[in-house]
Amino acid sequence: MTDSKNINNPVGQGGGQRKKLSRAERQNNGPHRNLDRQDAADRKAELVRKMREKARGAEATVTPDDDGKN
């Protein structure tokens, strides 16, 4: 006759069952996390590249005569 409005049958709330989550998704290791890991790896690689370039620039400015010995 009429639909009840309890937690198991919310009228007008889209209904349906919850998506079946894989074990990895239940542990918060879903596909979105793979993208986050890739993004973090890309940022780390870029940071390492910049640090190496900066270190090479610093090495080029140091001369062998400028080692602090007299």
C-alpha atoms as a PDB file:
ATOM      1  CA  MET A   1       0.000   0.000   0.000  1.00  0.00           C
ATOM      2  CA  THR A   2       2.283   2.813   1.187  1.00  0.00           C
ATOM      3  CA  ASP A   3       6.028   2.694   1.449  1.00  0.00           C
ATOM      4  CA  SER A   4       7.505   2.991   4.888  1.00  0.00           C
ATOM      5  CA  LYS A   5      10.171   5.598   5.544  1.00  0.00           C
ATOM      6  CA  ASN A   6      12.523   3.562   7.683  1.00  0.00           C
ATOM      7  CA  ILE A   7      16.297   3.278   7.230  1.00  0.00           C
ATOM      8  CA  ASN A   8      15.962   0.192   5.015  1.00  0.00           C
ATOM      9  CA  ASN A   9      13.536   1.826   2.592  1.00  0.00           C
ATOM     10  CA  PRO A  10      14.158   5.564   2.336  1.00  0.00           C
ATOM     11  CA  VAL A  11      11.469   6.940   0.028  1.00  0.00           C
ATOM     12  CA  GLY A  12      12.842   9.356  -2.543  1.00  0.00           C
ATOM     13  CA  GLN A  13      16.470   8.689  -1.665  1.00  0.00           C
ATOM     14  CA  GLY A  14      17.433   6.874  -4.840  1.00  0.00           C
ATOM     15  CA  GLY A  15      17.021   3.460  -3.276  1.00  0.00           C
ATOM     16  CA  GLY A  16      19.032   0.546  -4.547  1.00  0.00           C
ATOM     17  CA  GLN A  17      21.733  -1.484  -2.911  1.00  0.00           C
ATOM     18  CA  ARG A  18      25.193  -0.391  -1.989  1.00  0.00           C
ATOM     19  CA  LYS A  19      27.989  -1.093  -4.408  1.00  0.00           C
ATOM     20  CA  LYS A  20      29.880  -4.291  -3.698  1.00  0.00           C
ATOM     21  CA  LEU A  21      33.369  -3.190  -2.698  1.00  0.00           C
ATOM     22  CA  SER A  22      36.406  -5.295  -3.418  1.00  0.00           C
ATOM     23  CA  ARG A  23      38.738  -6.186  -0.588  1.00  0.00           C
ATOM     24  CA  ALA A  24      41.243  -3.546  -1.725  1.00  0.00           C
ATOM     25  CA  GLU A  25      38.547  -0.871  -1.857  1.00  0.00           C
ATOM     26  CA  ARG A  26      37.362  -1.788   1.632  1.00  0.00           C
ATOM     27  CA  GLN A  27      40.934  -1.212   2.813  1.00  0.00           C
ATOM     28  CA  ASN A  28      41.013   2.185   1.076  1.00  0.00           C
ATOM     29  CA  ASN A  29      43.250   0.930  -1.736  1.00  0.00           C
ATOM     30  CA  GLY A  30      40.849   1.665  -4.576  1.00  0.00           C
ATOM     31  CA  PRO A  31      41.758   2.882  -8.061  1.00  0.00           C
ATOM     32  CA  HIS A  32      41.848   6.497  -6.873  1.00  0.00           C
ATOM     33  CA  ARG A  33      44.763   5.638  -4.584  1.00  0.00           C
ATOM     34  CA  ASN A  34      46.818   4.354  -7.527  1.00  0.00           C
ATOM     35  CA  LEU A  35      46.427   7.759  -9.176  1.00  0.00           C
ATOM     36  CA  ASP A  36      47.459   9.483  -5.948  1.00  0.00           C
ATOM     37  CA  ARG A  37      50.555   7.300  -5.709  1.00  0.00           C
ATOM     38  CA  GLN A  38      51.492   8.037  -9.324  1.00  0.00           C
ATOM     39  CA  ASP A  39      51.024  11.773  -8.755  1.00  0.00           C
ATOM     40  CA  ALA A  40      53.193  11.634  -5.636  1.00  0.00           C
ATOM     41  CA  ALA A  41      55.892   9.691  -7.497  1.00  0.00           C
ATOM     42  CA  ASP A  42      55.860  12.257 -10.307  1.00  0.00           C
ATOM     43  CA  ARG A  43      56.214  15.142  -7.854  1.00  0.00           C
ATOM     44  CA  LYS A  44      59.063  13.363  -6.044  1.00  0.00           C
ATOM     45  CA  ALA A  45      60.891  12.701  -9.317  1.00  0.00           C
ATOM     46  CA  GLU A  46      60.545  16.372 -10.283  1.00  0.00           C
ATOM     47  CA  LEU A  47      61.845  17.483  -6.878  1.00  0.00           C
ATOM     48  CA  VAL A  48      64.833  15.135  -7.095  1.00  0.00           C
ATOM     49  CA  ARG A  49      65.616  16.391 -10.597  1.00  0.00           C
ATOM     50  CA  LYS A  50      65.543  20.024  -9.404  1.00  0.00           C
ATOM     51  CA  MET A  51      67.751  19.226  -6.407  1.00  0.00           C
ATOM     52  CA  ARG A  52      70.313  17.465  -8.618  1.00  0.00           C
ATOM     53  CA  GLU A  53      70.392  20.396 -11.035  1.00  0.00           C
ATOM     54  CA  LYS A  54      70.900  22.785  -8.133  1.00  0.00           C
ATOM     55  CA  ALA A  55      73.687  20.597  -6.728  1.00  0.00           C
ATOM     56  CA  ARG A  56      75.409  20.487 -10.124  1.00  0.00           C
ATOM     57  CA  GLY A  57      75.228  24.274 -10.310  1.00  0.00           C
ATOM     58  CA  ALA A  58      76.816  24.583  -6.870  1.00  0.00           C
ATOM     59  CA  GLU A  59      79.595  22.152  -7.837  1.00  0.00           C
ATOM     60  CA  ALA A  60      80.375  24.172 -10.954  1.00  0.00           C
ATOM     61  CA  THR A  61      80.960  27.338  -8.918  1.00  0.00           C
ATOM     62  CA  VAL A  62      83.471  25.637  -6.556  1.00  0.00           C
ATOM     63  CA  THR A  63      87.013  25.669  -7.957  1.00  0.00           C
ATOM     64  CA  PRO A  64      89.768  23.222  -6.949  1.00  0.00           C
ATOM     65  CA  ASP A  65      91.895  26.124  -5.582  1.00  0.00           C
ATOM     66  CA  ASP A  66      89.032  27.201  -3.338  1.00  0.00           C
ATOM     67  CA  ASP A  67      89.171  24.218  -0.965  1.00  0.00           C
ATOM     68  CA  GLY A  68      89.998  26.280   2.131  1.00  0.00           C
ATOM     69  CA  LYS A  69      93.611  25.153   2.491  1.00  0.00           C
ATOM     70  CA  ASN A  70      96.525  27.670   2.528  1.00  0.00           C
END
